[in-house]
N, C-alpha and C. Protein backbone atom coordinates (compact mmCIF):
# COMPACT_ATOMS: atom_id res chain seq x y z
N MET A 1 -107.20 11.96 -74.96
CA MET A 1 -108.04 12.38 -75.80
C MET A 1 -108.84 11.49 -76.67
N LEU A 2 -107.98 9.88 -76.98
CA LEU A 2 -108.57 8.66 -76.92
C LEU A 2 -110.05 8.82 -76.94
N ALA A 3 -110.42 9.05 -75.20
CA ALA A 3 -111.91 8.70 -75.11
C ALA A 3 -112.73 10.18 -75.73
N LEU A 4 -112.28 11.27 -75.87
CA LEU A 4 -113.10 12.16 -76.86
C LEU A 4 -113.15 11.59 -78.38
N ILE A 5 -111.82 11.27 -78.65
CA ILE A 5 -112.50 11.00 -80.15
C ILE A 5 -113.23 9.91 -80.11
N ILE A 6 -113.24 8.84 -79.47
CA ILE A 6 -114.17 7.99 -79.24
C ILE A 6 -115.60 8.34 -78.92
N TYR A 7 -115.75 9.61 -77.86
CA TYR A 7 -117.12 10.03 -77.84
C TYR A 7 -117.67 10.84 -78.87
N LEU A 8 -116.76 11.01 -79.59
CA LEU A 8 -117.42 12.07 -80.67
C LEU A 8 -118.39 11.44 -82.20
N TYR A 9 -117.98 10.15 -81.76
CA TYR A 9 -117.98 9.17 -82.89
C TYR A 9 -119.52 8.17 -82.65
N ILE A 10 -119.81 8.37 -81.19
CA ILE A 10 -121.29 7.72 -80.68
C ILE A 10 -122.04 8.77 -81.19
N GLY A 11 -123.19 7.53 -81.56
CA GLY A 11 -124.23 8.62 -82.22
C GLY A 11 -125.32 8.87 -81.06
N SER A 12 -126.87 9.66 -80.98
CA SER A 12 -127.81 9.67 -80.56
C SER A 12 -128.49 9.02 -79.83
N LEU A 13 -129.13 9.07 -78.67
CA LEU A 13 -130.00 8.16 -78.57
C LEU A 13 -131.21 7.40 -79.69
N SER A 14 -131.88 8.21 -80.24
CA SER A 14 -132.77 7.53 -81.20
C SER A 14 -132.05 6.95 -82.62
N GLU A 15 -130.61 7.24 -82.88
CA GLU A 15 -130.19 6.84 -84.03
C GLU A 15 -129.32 5.26 -83.65
N ALA A 16 -129.64 5.21 -82.22
CA ALA A 16 -128.95 4.15 -81.87
C ALA A 16 -130.15 2.58 -81.88
N ASN A 17 -131.23 3.95 -80.84
CA ASN A 17 -132.40 3.03 -80.63
C ASN A 17 -133.32 2.61 -82.18
N GLU A 18 -132.60 3.13 -83.42
CA GLU A 18 -133.65 2.63 -84.58
C GLU A 18 -132.56 1.51 -85.26
N ARG A 19 -131.18 1.72 -84.85
CA ARG A 19 -130.33 0.37 -85.51
C ARG A 19 -130.45 -0.92 -84.76
N PHE A 20 -131.26 -0.70 -83.76
CA PHE A 20 -131.35 -1.77 -82.79
C PHE A 20 -132.31 -2.54 -83.25
N GLY A 21 -132.63 -3.89 -84.17
CA GLY A 21 -133.33 -4.32 -84.41
C GLY A 21 -133.37 -5.99 -84.44
N ASN A 22 -134.42 -6.64 -83.94
CA ASN A 22 -133.63 -8.56 -83.80
C ASN A 22 -133.63 -8.22 -82.46
N ARG A 23 -134.08 -7.53 -81.46
CA ARG A 23 -133.71 -7.51 -80.41
C ARG A 23 -134.34 -8.91 -79.13
N ASP A 24 -135.07 -9.45 -79.63
CA ASP A 24 -135.35 -10.95 -79.09
C ASP A 24 -134.32 -11.73 -79.66
N GLU A 25 -133.78 -11.86 -80.48
CA GLU A 25 -133.95 -12.58 -81.11
C GLU A 25 -132.00 -12.22 -81.07
N ILE A 26 -131.49 -11.01 -80.94
CA ILE A 26 -130.01 -10.66 -80.29
C ILE A 26 -130.26 -11.33 -78.96
N PHE A 27 -131.23 -11.36 -77.72
CA PHE A 27 -130.86 -11.61 -76.49
C PHE A 27 -130.68 -13.10 -76.31
N ASP A 28 -131.43 -13.31 -77.32
CA ASP A 28 -131.69 -15.05 -76.93
C ASP A 28 -130.34 -15.82 -77.27
N ARG A 29 -129.62 -14.36 -78.57
CA ARG A 29 -128.21 -15.49 -78.56
C ARG A 29 -127.28 -15.07 -77.84
N LEU A 30 -127.22 -13.77 -76.72
CA LEU A 30 -126.66 -13.56 -75.70
C LEU A 30 -126.93 -13.93 -74.36
N LEU A 31 -127.51 -15.17 -74.14
CA LEU A 31 -128.22 -15.70 -72.89
C LEU A 31 -126.95 -16.05 -72.88
N ASP A 32 -126.43 -17.54 -73.17
CA ASP A 32 -125.52 -18.09 -72.63
C ASP A 32 -124.49 -17.25 -72.10
N LEU A 33 -123.87 -16.53 -73.29
CA LEU A 33 -122.94 -15.77 -72.85
C LEU A 33 -122.31 -15.05 -71.68
N LEU A 34 -123.90 -14.09 -71.42
CA LEU A 34 -123.64 -13.22 -70.46
C LEU A 34 -123.83 -14.83 -69.19
N SER A 35 -124.73 -15.33 -69.69
CA SER A 35 -124.75 -16.53 -67.36
C SER A 35 -123.43 -16.94 -67.92
N ARG A 36 -122.41 -17.63 -68.93
CA ARG A 36 -121.54 -17.81 -68.22
C ARG A 36 -120.36 -16.89 -67.52
N HIS A 37 -120.29 -15.85 -67.74
CA HIS A 37 -120.29 -14.91 -66.84
C HIS A 37 -120.96 -14.05 -65.60
N GLN A 38 -121.26 -15.10 -65.34
CA GLN A 38 -122.42 -14.62 -63.59
C GLN A 38 -122.93 -13.65 -63.75
N GLY A 39 -123.47 -13.15 -65.12
CA GLY A 39 -124.48 -11.33 -64.80
C GLY A 39 -123.41 -10.35 -64.50
N LEU A 40 -121.84 -10.53 -64.34
CA LEU A 40 -121.22 -9.33 -64.08
C LEU A 40 -120.86 -7.94 -65.00
N PHE A 41 -121.69 -8.87 -66.74
CA PHE A 41 -121.46 -7.27 -67.58
C PHE A 41 -123.22 -7.61 -68.02
N ASP A 42 -123.66 -6.20 -68.48
CA ASP A 42 -124.48 -6.03 -68.95
C ASP A 42 -124.65 -5.88 -70.46
N VAL A 43 -125.44 -5.77 -71.21
CA VAL A 43 -125.69 -5.37 -72.90
C VAL A 43 -125.92 -3.90 -72.73
N CYS A 44 -125.62 -2.89 -72.83
CA CYS A 44 -126.11 -1.59 -73.00
C CYS A 44 -125.84 -0.81 -74.58
N LEU A 45 -127.12 0.06 -74.76
CA LEU A 45 -127.01 0.45 -75.73
C LEU A 45 -126.03 1.95 -75.99
N ILE A 46 -124.99 1.59 -76.75
CA ILE A 46 -124.57 3.08 -77.01
C ILE A 46 -125.01 4.20 -77.70
N HIS A 47 -124.56 5.10 -76.50
CA HIS A 47 -125.35 6.40 -77.28
C HIS A 47 -124.58 7.70 -75.93
N ALA A 48 -124.98 8.85 -76.80
CA ALA A 48 -124.22 9.83 -75.86
C ALA A 48 -125.02 11.17 -75.59
N HIS A 49 -125.74 11.41 -74.73
CA HIS A 49 -126.11 12.79 -74.24
C HIS A 49 -125.91 14.31 -74.68
N CYS A 50 -124.72 14.02 -74.48
CA CYS A 50 -123.63 15.32 -74.79
C CYS A 50 -122.50 15.11 -75.47
N THR A 51 -122.29 16.31 -75.63
CA THR A 51 -120.79 15.93 -76.42
C THR A 51 -120.00 16.61 -75.22
N LEU A 52 -118.13 16.11 -75.30
CA LEU A 52 -116.90 16.54 -74.57
C LEU A 52 -116.21 17.12 -75.01
N ALA A 53 -115.89 17.89 -74.41
CA ALA A 53 -114.77 18.91 -74.49
C ALA A 53 -113.23 18.41 -74.04
N ASP A 54 -112.11 18.72 -75.11
CA ASP A 54 -111.26 18.10 -74.93
C ASP A 54 -110.68 17.63 -72.85
N GLY A 55 -110.13 16.45 -73.00
CA GLY A 55 -109.54 15.93 -72.14
C GLY A 55 -111.28 15.77 -70.83
N GLU A 56 -112.18 15.66 -70.88
CA GLU A 56 -113.19 15.41 -70.59
C GLU A 56 -113.34 13.79 -70.88
N VAL A 57 -113.98 13.20 -69.62
CA VAL A 57 -114.62 11.76 -70.17
C VAL A 57 -116.04 12.03 -69.54
N MET A 58 -116.67 11.06 -69.68
CA MET A 58 -118.26 10.42 -68.77
C MET A 58 -117.87 10.10 -67.84
N LEU A 59 -118.07 10.29 -66.64
CA LEU A 59 -118.04 10.08 -65.21
C LEU A 59 -118.92 9.83 -64.01
N GLU A 60 -119.24 8.30 -64.39
CA GLU A 60 -120.31 8.02 -63.05
C GLU A 60 -119.85 8.14 -61.80
N ASN A 61 -120.80 9.22 -60.93
CA ASN A 61 -120.30 9.23 -59.87
C ASN A 61 -121.75 9.29 -58.98
N GLY A 62 -122.23 8.19 -58.09
CA GLY A 62 -123.22 7.55 -57.38
C GLY A 62 -124.25 7.78 -58.80
N ASP A 63 -125.61 8.73 -58.37
CA ASP A 63 -126.37 8.43 -60.07
C ASP A 63 -126.31 9.60 -60.35
N VAL A 64 -125.50 10.23 -61.19
CA VAL A 64 -124.79 11.47 -61.64
C VAL A 64 -123.80 10.40 -63.11
N SER A 65 -124.08 10.78 -63.88
CA SER A 65 -123.11 10.92 -64.62
C SER A 65 -122.91 11.85 -65.77
N MET A 66 -121.61 12.52 -65.29
CA MET A 66 -121.33 13.78 -66.15
C MET A 66 -119.77 14.25 -67.01
N PRO A 67 -119.78 15.08 -68.05
CA PRO A 67 -118.66 15.49 -68.02
C PRO A 67 -117.51 15.92 -67.18
N VAL A 68 -116.07 14.99 -66.92
CA VAL A 68 -115.00 15.72 -66.02
C VAL A 68 -113.77 15.70 -66.27
N LYS A 69 -113.25 17.02 -66.57
CA LYS A 69 -111.71 16.57 -66.46
C LYS A 69 -111.09 16.25 -66.15
N ILE A 70 -110.24 14.90 -66.18
CA ILE A 70 -109.41 14.08 -65.69
C ILE A 70 -108.00 14.28 -65.20
N SER A 71 -107.18 14.55 -64.68
CA SER A 71 -105.77 14.87 -64.47
C SER A 71 -104.85 13.49 -64.08
N GLY A 72 -105.50 12.62 -63.92
CA GLY A 72 -104.45 11.42 -63.68
C GLY A 72 -105.02 11.14 -62.01
N THR A 73 -105.47 11.51 -61.12
CA THR A 73 -104.84 11.26 -60.22
C THR A 73 -106.85 10.61 -59.15
N GLU A 74 -107.78 11.10 -59.88
CA GLU A 74 -108.54 10.78 -59.95
C GLU A 74 -108.73 8.83 -60.33
N ASN A 75 -110.33 8.82 -59.11
CA ASN A 75 -110.37 7.00 -59.28
C ASN A 75 -111.09 7.37 -60.45
N CYS A 76 -110.85 6.56 -60.91
CA CYS A 76 -111.63 6.76 -62.58
C CYS A 76 -111.30 5.54 -63.47
N TYR A 77 -112.55 4.41 -63.60
CA TYR A 77 -112.28 3.08 -63.94
C TYR A 77 -113.37 2.97 -65.10
N PRO A 78 -113.15 2.71 -65.86
CA PRO A 78 -113.97 2.22 -66.96
C PRO A 78 -114.94 1.09 -66.73
N VAL A 79 -116.22 1.56 -67.46
CA VAL A 79 -117.21 0.92 -66.90
C VAL A 79 -118.44 0.66 -68.27
N SER A 80 -118.19 1.20 -69.29
CA SER A 80 -118.87 0.90 -70.39
C SER A 80 -118.17 1.02 -71.65
N TRP A 81 -117.78 -0.24 -72.66
CA TRP A 81 -117.00 -0.30 -73.41
C TRP A 81 -117.91 -0.70 -74.74
N LEU A 82 -116.92 -0.24 -76.25
CA LEU A 82 -118.07 -0.18 -77.21
C LEU A 82 -117.01 -1.91 -77.70
N PRO A 83 -118.16 -2.20 -78.31
CA PRO A 83 -118.18 -3.56 -78.74
C PRO A 83 -116.12 -4.14 -79.34
N SER A 84 -115.48 -3.19 -79.73
CA SER A 84 -114.36 -3.35 -80.60
C SER A 84 -113.28 -3.32 -78.84
N GLY A 85 -113.68 -3.00 -77.51
CA GLY A 85 -113.05 -3.31 -76.12
C GLY A 85 -112.46 -1.88 -76.30
N GLU A 86 -113.14 -0.68 -76.47
CA GLU A 86 -112.75 0.39 -75.67
C GLU A 86 -113.24 0.97 -75.50
N PRO A 87 -113.47 1.70 -73.80
CA PRO A 87 -114.11 1.91 -73.18
C PRO A 87 -114.18 3.39 -73.29
N TYR A 88 -115.72 3.87 -73.02
CA TYR A 88 -116.19 5.15 -73.61
C TYR A 88 -117.09 5.68 -72.52
N GLU A 89 -116.93 5.19 -71.38
CA GLU A 89 -118.00 5.63 -69.82
C GLU A 89 -116.90 5.03 -68.77
N TYR A 90 -117.06 6.41 -67.86
CA TYR A 90 -116.27 5.62 -66.85
C TYR A 90 -117.12 6.26 -65.24
N THR A 91 -116.50 5.40 -63.73
CA THR A 91 -116.83 5.62 -62.58
C THR A 91 -116.33 5.62 -61.64
N THR A 92 -116.00 6.03 -61.01
CA THR A 92 -115.64 5.85 -59.79
C THR A 92 -115.06 5.27 -58.51
N LYS A 93 -115.92 3.63 -58.86
CA LYS A 93 -116.03 2.91 -58.31
C LYS A 93 -114.88 1.76 -58.97
N PRO A 94 -114.53 1.35 -58.74
CA PRO A 94 -113.73 0.12 -59.32
C PRO A 94 -114.56 -0.81 -60.00
N THR A 95 -113.86 -1.51 -60.89
CA THR A 95 -114.67 -2.37 -62.18
C THR A 95 -113.94 -3.09 -62.52
N LYS A 96 -114.50 -4.20 -63.09
CA LYS A 96 -113.72 -5.49 -63.23
C LYS A 96 -113.32 -5.38 -65.29
N ILE A 97 -112.64 -5.60 -65.88
CA ILE A 97 -112.60 -5.36 -67.59
C ILE A 97 -112.78 -6.76 -68.18
N PRO A 98 -113.56 -6.24 -68.89
CA PRO A 98 -114.31 -7.73 -69.79
C PRO A 98 -112.99 -8.64 -70.46
N PRO A 99 -112.76 -9.92 -70.16
CA PRO A 99 -111.90 -10.70 -70.90
C PRO A 99 -111.74 -10.12 -72.31
N PRO A 100 -111.16 -10.49 -73.44
CA PRO A 100 -110.91 -10.20 -74.41
C PRO A 100 -112.13 -11.32 -75.45
N SER A 101 -111.58 -12.43 -75.00
CA SER A 101 -112.72 -13.28 -75.00
C SER A 101 -114.23 -12.92 -75.21
N LEU A 102 -114.56 -11.94 -74.15
CA LEU A 102 -116.48 -11.47 -74.03
C LEU A 102 -116.33 -11.11 -75.37
N PHE A 103 -115.48 -10.03 -75.28
CA PHE A 103 -115.45 -8.87 -76.30
C PHE A 103 -115.88 -9.71 -77.74
N ASP A 104 -114.79 -10.35 -78.23
CA ASP A 104 -114.63 -11.11 -78.83
C ASP A 104 -115.97 -12.29 -79.71
N GLU A 105 -116.73 -12.63 -78.60
CA GLU A 105 -118.03 -13.59 -79.01
C GLU A 105 -119.16 -12.80 -78.53
N SER A 106 -118.64 -11.62 -78.01
CA SER A 106 -120.35 -10.99 -78.10
C SER A 106 -120.33 -10.07 -79.15
N ARG A 107 -119.09 -9.74 -80.07
CA ARG A 107 -118.96 -9.05 -81.39
C ARG A 107 -119.54 -10.41 -82.09
N ALA A 108 -119.30 -11.28 -82.43
CA ALA A 108 -119.79 -12.61 -83.09
C ALA A 108 -121.14 -12.40 -83.16
N LEU A 109 -121.85 -13.18 -82.09
CA LEU A 109 -123.27 -13.00 -81.95
C LEU A 109 -124.01 -11.47 -82.42
N THR A 110 -123.16 -10.67 -82.05
CA THR A 110 -124.47 -9.19 -82.41
C THR A 110 -123.66 -8.21 -83.60
N ARG A 111 -123.21 -8.72 -84.76
CA ARG A 111 -122.45 -8.90 -85.60
C ARG A 111 -123.38 -7.81 -86.77
N ASP A 112 -124.08 -8.25 -86.49
CA ASP A 112 -125.45 -6.94 -87.15
C ASP A 112 -126.39 -6.12 -86.34
N VAL A 113 -125.95 -6.09 -85.39
CA VAL A 113 -125.61 -4.26 -84.76
C VAL A 113 -124.60 -3.91 -84.23
N GLU A 114 -124.57 -2.99 -84.74
CA GLU A 114 -122.92 -2.05 -84.35
C GLU A 114 -123.49 -1.30 -82.96
N VAL A 115 -124.59 -1.25 -82.26
CA VAL A 115 -124.42 -0.45 -81.06
C VAL A 115 -125.02 -0.36 -79.84
N LEU A 116 -124.77 -2.00 -80.22
CA LEU A 116 -124.36 -2.76 -78.60
C LEU A 116 -123.18 -2.77 -77.85
N GLY A 117 -123.05 -2.40 -76.53
CA GLY A 117 -121.94 -2.38 -76.02
C GLY A 117 -122.06 -3.42 -74.61
N LEU A 118 -120.66 -3.23 -73.82
CA LEU A 118 -121.02 -4.03 -72.59
C LEU A 118 -121.07 -3.22 -70.87
N HIS A 119 -121.44 -3.31 -70.45
CA HIS A 119 -121.62 -2.67 -69.45
C HIS A 119 -121.00 -3.26 -67.98
N TYR A 120 -120.21 -2.65 -66.81
CA TYR A 120 -119.91 -3.73 -66.16
C TYR A 120 -120.96 -3.08 -64.72
N ASN A 121 -121.37 -4.52 -64.47
CA ASN A 121 -122.75 -5.09 -63.51
C ASN A 121 -122.09 -5.10 -61.69
N ASN A 122 -121.75 -4.02 -61.45
CA ASN A 122 -121.45 -4.13 -59.52
C ASN A 122 -122.54 -5.08 -58.41
N CYS A 123 -123.38 -5.56 -58.75
CA CYS A 123 -124.69 -5.84 -58.39
C CYS A 123 -125.16 -7.29 -59.49
N PRO A 124 -124.83 -8.30 -59.59
CA PRO A 124 -124.93 -8.72 -60.52
C PRO A 124 -126.15 -9.33 -60.15
N GLY A 125 -127.52 -9.96 -60.92
CA GLY A 125 -128.90 -10.48 -60.56
C GLY A 125 -129.65 -9.11 -60.27
N MET A 126 -129.05 -7.63 -59.34
CA MET A 126 -129.89 -7.22 -59.46
C MET A 126 -131.36 -6.67 -60.25
N THR A 127 -132.18 -6.72 -59.82
CA THR A 127 -133.77 -6.68 -59.73
C THR A 127 -134.06 -5.33 -60.24
N GLU A 128 -133.79 -4.47 -59.34
CA GLU A 128 -134.59 -2.88 -59.30
C GLU A 128 -134.02 -1.82 -60.98
N THR A 129 -135.16 -1.63 -61.12
CA THR A 129 -135.17 -1.12 -62.69
C THR A 129 -134.72 0.77 -62.70
N ARG A 130 -134.10 1.35 -63.47
CA ARG A 130 -134.58 2.57 -63.21
C ARG A 130 -134.62 3.36 -64.36
N ILE A 131 -134.40 4.99 -63.60
CA ILE A 131 -135.01 5.76 -65.75
C ILE A 131 -134.04 6.74 -65.45
N GLU A 132 -133.59 6.85 -66.71
CA GLU A 132 -132.45 8.04 -66.73
C GLU A 132 -133.11 8.71 -67.43
N TRP A 133 -132.21 10.38 -67.24
CA TRP A 133 -132.93 11.54 -67.78
C TRP A 133 -131.40 12.37 -67.90
N THR A 134 -131.66 13.75 -68.24
CA THR A 134 -130.94 14.16 -69.06
C THR A 134 -131.13 15.75 -68.08
N GLU A 135 -130.13 16.93 -67.25
CA GLU A 135 -130.17 18.00 -67.19
C GLU A 135 -129.15 18.68 -67.94
N GLY A 136 -128.94 19.04 -68.64
CA GLY A 136 -127.96 19.99 -69.02
C GLY A 136 -126.93 19.12 -69.69
N ARG A 137 -125.59 18.95 -69.42
CA ARG A 137 -124.88 17.78 -69.14
C ARG A 137 -124.56 16.37 -68.13
N LYS A 138 -125.66 16.65 -67.10
CA LYS A 138 -125.50 15.56 -66.55
C LYS A 138 -126.35 14.56 -66.86
N ASN A 139 -125.99 12.82 -66.50
CA ASN A 139 -127.22 11.90 -66.98
C ASN A 139 -127.57 11.91 -65.39
N CYS A 140 -128.43 11.56 -64.83
CA CYS A 140 -129.35 11.63 -63.73
C CYS A 140 -129.95 9.79 -63.71
N THR A 141 -130.06 9.22 -62.17
CA THR A 141 -130.81 7.98 -62.69
C THR A 141 -131.16 8.28 -61.16
N ARG A 142 -132.70 7.48 -61.57
CA ARG A 142 -132.93 6.88 -59.95
C ARG A 142 -133.70 5.68 -60.03
N ARG A 143 -134.74 4.77 -59.09
CA ARG A 143 -135.83 3.88 -58.87
C ARG A 143 -136.50 4.48 -59.91
N LEU A 144 -137.29 3.26 -61.13
CA LEU A 144 -138.29 3.30 -61.61
C LEU A 144 -139.37 3.79 -60.87
N THR A 145 -140.45 3.98 -60.95
CA THR A 145 -141.64 4.53 -59.24
C THR A 145 -143.07 4.22 -60.37
N GLU A 146 -143.53 4.33 -60.05
CA GLU A 146 -145.36 4.11 -60.51
C GLU A 146 -145.53 5.24 -61.29
N GLU A 147 -144.82 6.27 -60.72
CA GLU A 147 -145.36 7.89 -61.48
C GLU A 147 -144.63 7.66 -62.99
N ASP A 148 -143.52 7.16 -63.42
CA ASP A 148 -143.45 7.36 -64.41
C ASP A 148 -143.83 6.29 -65.31
N ARG A 149 -144.57 6.20 -65.12
CA ARG A 149 -145.67 4.55 -66.10
C ARG A 149 -146.13 5.68 -67.75
N ASP A 150 -146.08 6.76 -67.53
CA ASP A 150 -146.41 7.79 -68.44
C ASP A 150 -145.65 8.32 -69.13
N ILE A 151 -144.46 8.35 -68.45
CA ILE A 151 -143.01 8.81 -69.52
C ILE A 151 -142.73 8.00 -70.49
N SER A 152 -142.47 8.58 -72.23
CA SER A 152 -142.30 8.40 -73.18
C SER A 152 -140.58 7.91 -72.83
N ALA A 153 -140.26 6.31 -73.12
CA ALA A 153 -138.69 6.27 -73.05
C ALA A 153 -138.26 5.09 -73.55
N VAL A 154 -137.09 4.91 -73.72
CA VAL A 154 -136.33 4.11 -74.79
C VAL A 154 -135.31 3.30 -73.83
N GLU A 155 -135.27 1.94 -73.84
CA GLU A 155 -134.60 0.73 -73.26
C GLU A 155 -133.36 1.00 -73.39
N THR A 156 -132.84 1.12 -72.82
CA THR A 156 -130.73 1.00 -73.20
C THR A 156 -130.41 0.69 -72.23
N GLN A 157 -130.66 -0.45 -71.53
CA GLN A 157 -129.68 -1.28 -70.95
C GLN A 157 -130.08 -2.16 -70.40
N TRP A 158 -129.74 -3.91 -69.90
CA TRP A 158 -130.35 -5.14 -70.20
C TRP A 158 -129.77 -6.12 -69.49
N SER A 159 -129.84 -6.68 -68.75
CA SER A 159 -129.05 -7.30 -67.79
C SER A 159 -129.51 -9.03 -67.50
N LEU A 160 -128.74 -9.55 -67.32
CA LEU A 160 -128.89 -11.37 -67.03
C LEU A 160 -129.63 -11.34 -65.58
N THR A 161 -130.93 -11.59 -65.47
CA THR A 161 -131.86 -11.95 -64.30
C THR A 161 -132.42 -13.78 -64.36
N GLN A 162 -131.95 -13.88 -62.94
CA GLN A 162 -133.02 -15.34 -62.73
C GLN A 162 -133.92 -15.28 -61.66
N GLU A 163 -135.11 -15.25 -61.95
CA GLU A 163 -135.82 -15.29 -61.00
C GLU A 163 -136.12 -16.46 -60.66
N PHE A 164 -136.52 -16.89 -59.69
CA PHE A 164 -136.69 -18.43 -58.42
C PHE A 164 -137.45 -19.28 -59.51
N LYS A 165 -136.93 -20.39 -59.94
CA LYS A 165 -137.44 -21.65 -60.62
C LYS A 165 -137.46 -21.03 -61.94
N LYS A 166 -137.38 -19.95 -62.57
CA LYS A 166 -137.43 -19.60 -63.88
C LYS A 166 -136.45 -19.59 -64.54
N LYS A 167 -136.18 -20.16 -66.14
CA LYS A 167 -134.89 -20.00 -67.32
C LYS A 167 -134.62 -18.45 -66.43
N PRO A 168 -133.27 -18.50 -66.85
CA PRO A 168 -132.60 -17.00 -67.09
C PRO A 168 -133.29 -16.14 -68.28
N LYS A 169 -133.41 -14.66 -68.14
CA LYS A 169 -133.50 -14.16 -69.24
C LYS A 169 -132.62 -12.87 -69.40
N VAL A 170 -132.68 -12.77 -70.15
CA VAL A 170 -132.18 -10.56 -70.33
C VAL A 170 -133.35 -9.57 -70.33
N ARG A 171 -133.40 -9.16 -69.47
CA ARG A 171 -134.36 -7.71 -69.65
C ARG A 171 -133.91 -6.39 -68.92
N CYS A 172 -134.71 -5.42 -69.20
CA CYS A 172 -134.10 -4.32 -69.71
C CYS A 172 -133.91 -3.84 -67.63
N ILE A 173 -132.83 -3.21 -67.44
CA ILE A 173 -132.80 -3.00 -66.37
C ILE A 173 -132.59 -1.31 -66.22
N LEU A 174 -132.47 -0.32 -67.28
CA LEU A 174 -132.78 1.23 -67.32
C LEU A 174 -132.92 1.37 -68.64
N TYR A 175 -134.12 2.86 -68.12
CA TYR A 175 -134.60 3.38 -69.64
C TYR A 175 -134.26 4.69 -69.39
N CYS A 176 -134.27 5.17 -70.81
CA CYS A 176 -133.81 7.03 -70.85
C CYS A 176 -134.96 8.06 -71.16
N ASN A 177 -135.55 8.41 -70.32
CA ASN A 177 -136.82 9.32 -70.67
C ASN A 177 -136.23 10.10 -71.90
N THR A 178 -136.97 10.09 -73.09
CA THR A 178 -136.46 10.48 -74.47
C THR A 178 -137.19 12.05 -74.48
N THR A 179 -137.57 12.82 -73.96
CA THR A 179 -138.32 14.23 -73.45
C THR A 179 -136.71 15.12 -73.09
N THR A 180 -136.00 14.57 -72.52
CA THR A 180 -134.96 15.32 -71.54
C THR A 180 -133.62 14.89 -72.64
N THR A 181 -133.56 14.04 -73.37
CA THR A 181 -132.59 13.57 -73.91
C THR A 181 -132.35 14.32 -75.17
N ARG A 182 -130.67 14.22 -75.64
CA ARG A 182 -130.55 14.98 -76.79
C ARG A 182 -130.65 13.78 -77.95
N SER A 183 -131.44 14.33 -78.47
CA SER A 183 -131.57 14.14 -80.26
C SER A 183 -132.54 12.50 -79.21
N GLY A 184 -133.09 12.82 -78.76
CA GLY A 184 -133.55 11.62 -78.36
C GLY A 184 -135.47 10.96 -78.84
N ALA A 185 -135.63 12.26 -79.60
CA ALA A 185 -136.56 12.94 -80.14
C ALA A 185 -137.88 11.27 -80.76
N ILE A 186 -138.91 11.17 -80.06
CA ILE A 186 -139.65 10.17 -80.63
C ILE A 186 -140.46 9.81 -81.99
N HIS A 187 -139.58 8.89 -82.39
CA HIS A 187 -140.19 8.98 -84.10
C HIS A 187 -141.45 7.84 -84.68
N LEU A 188 -142.77 8.40 -84.94
CA LEU A 188 -144.28 7.42 -85.36
C LEU A 188 -143.79 6.11 -85.92
N GLY A 189 -144.00 5.12 -85.45
CA GLY A 189 -143.97 3.80 -86.08
C GLY A 189 -142.50 3.37 -85.75
N THR A 190 -141.94 3.67 -84.68
CA THR A 190 -140.86 2.81 -84.14
C THR A 190 -141.59 2.58 -82.76
N GLN A 191 -141.06 1.23 -82.75
CA GLN A 191 -141.94 0.28 -81.54
C GLN A 191 -141.84 0.10 -80.24
N SER A 192 -140.16 0.31 -80.55
CA SER A 192 -138.90 0.52 -79.17
C SER A 192 -138.97 1.64 -78.42
N HIS A 193 -140.06 2.64 -78.62
CA HIS A 193 -140.26 4.05 -78.06
C HIS A 193 -141.50 3.64 -77.42
N HIS A 194 -141.26 3.74 -76.17
CA HIS A 194 -142.81 3.18 -75.54
C HIS A 194 -142.64 3.76 -73.64
N LYS A 195 -144.61 3.69 -73.69
CA LYS A 195 -144.96 4.20 -72.17
C LYS A 195 -144.28 3.10 -71.49
N VAL A 196 -143.40 3.51 -70.04
CA VAL A 196 -142.16 2.64 -69.23
C VAL A 196 -143.61 2.09 -68.31
N SER A 197 -143.19 1.01 -67.83
CA SER A 197 -144.06 0.38 -66.29
C SER A 197 -143.12 0.05 -65.46
N SER A 198 -143.68 0.20 -63.99
CA SER A 198 -142.50 -0.10 -63.21
C SER A 198 -143.24 -1.40 -62.23
């Protein structure tokens, strides 16, 4: 029931995207914090693609995340958390829970942005960039390809990357296709909607 209540108050993609300003400054603030946790946790834009019914959670299984009724016997682990520490999305693979200090420091560094959460990264240092789209109540992801370069999309997840002999940085690893996403409409003048590049 708590998962449903939390998810009901999560805004749409366009709402979250518009509220996330000062991105370079925010990522500069988070760089050291993410580095201290060896890239085990990413930063994500908190948004919902669909609504949940009573007893459902958003459950990621491979490349698909969708509402599933949980009876308590399934493999279900938190994968995405609000700044306050409550999980709002789950996965079938075991994860690690961020320590309370990570939530505390992250909230302090992003206090002026209320739409950034934490996401467990089971492959720290992963360089593959992915794209997400919606089919009904399913969120599907796959590797970003050259054919995706003309898709209008929003950056929704950022990871700590360490390139050889270069300073670590935070870069986008997941784009969300705005043409298939609930309330993902493009607003003229919003710079964070753009064509993706593979």
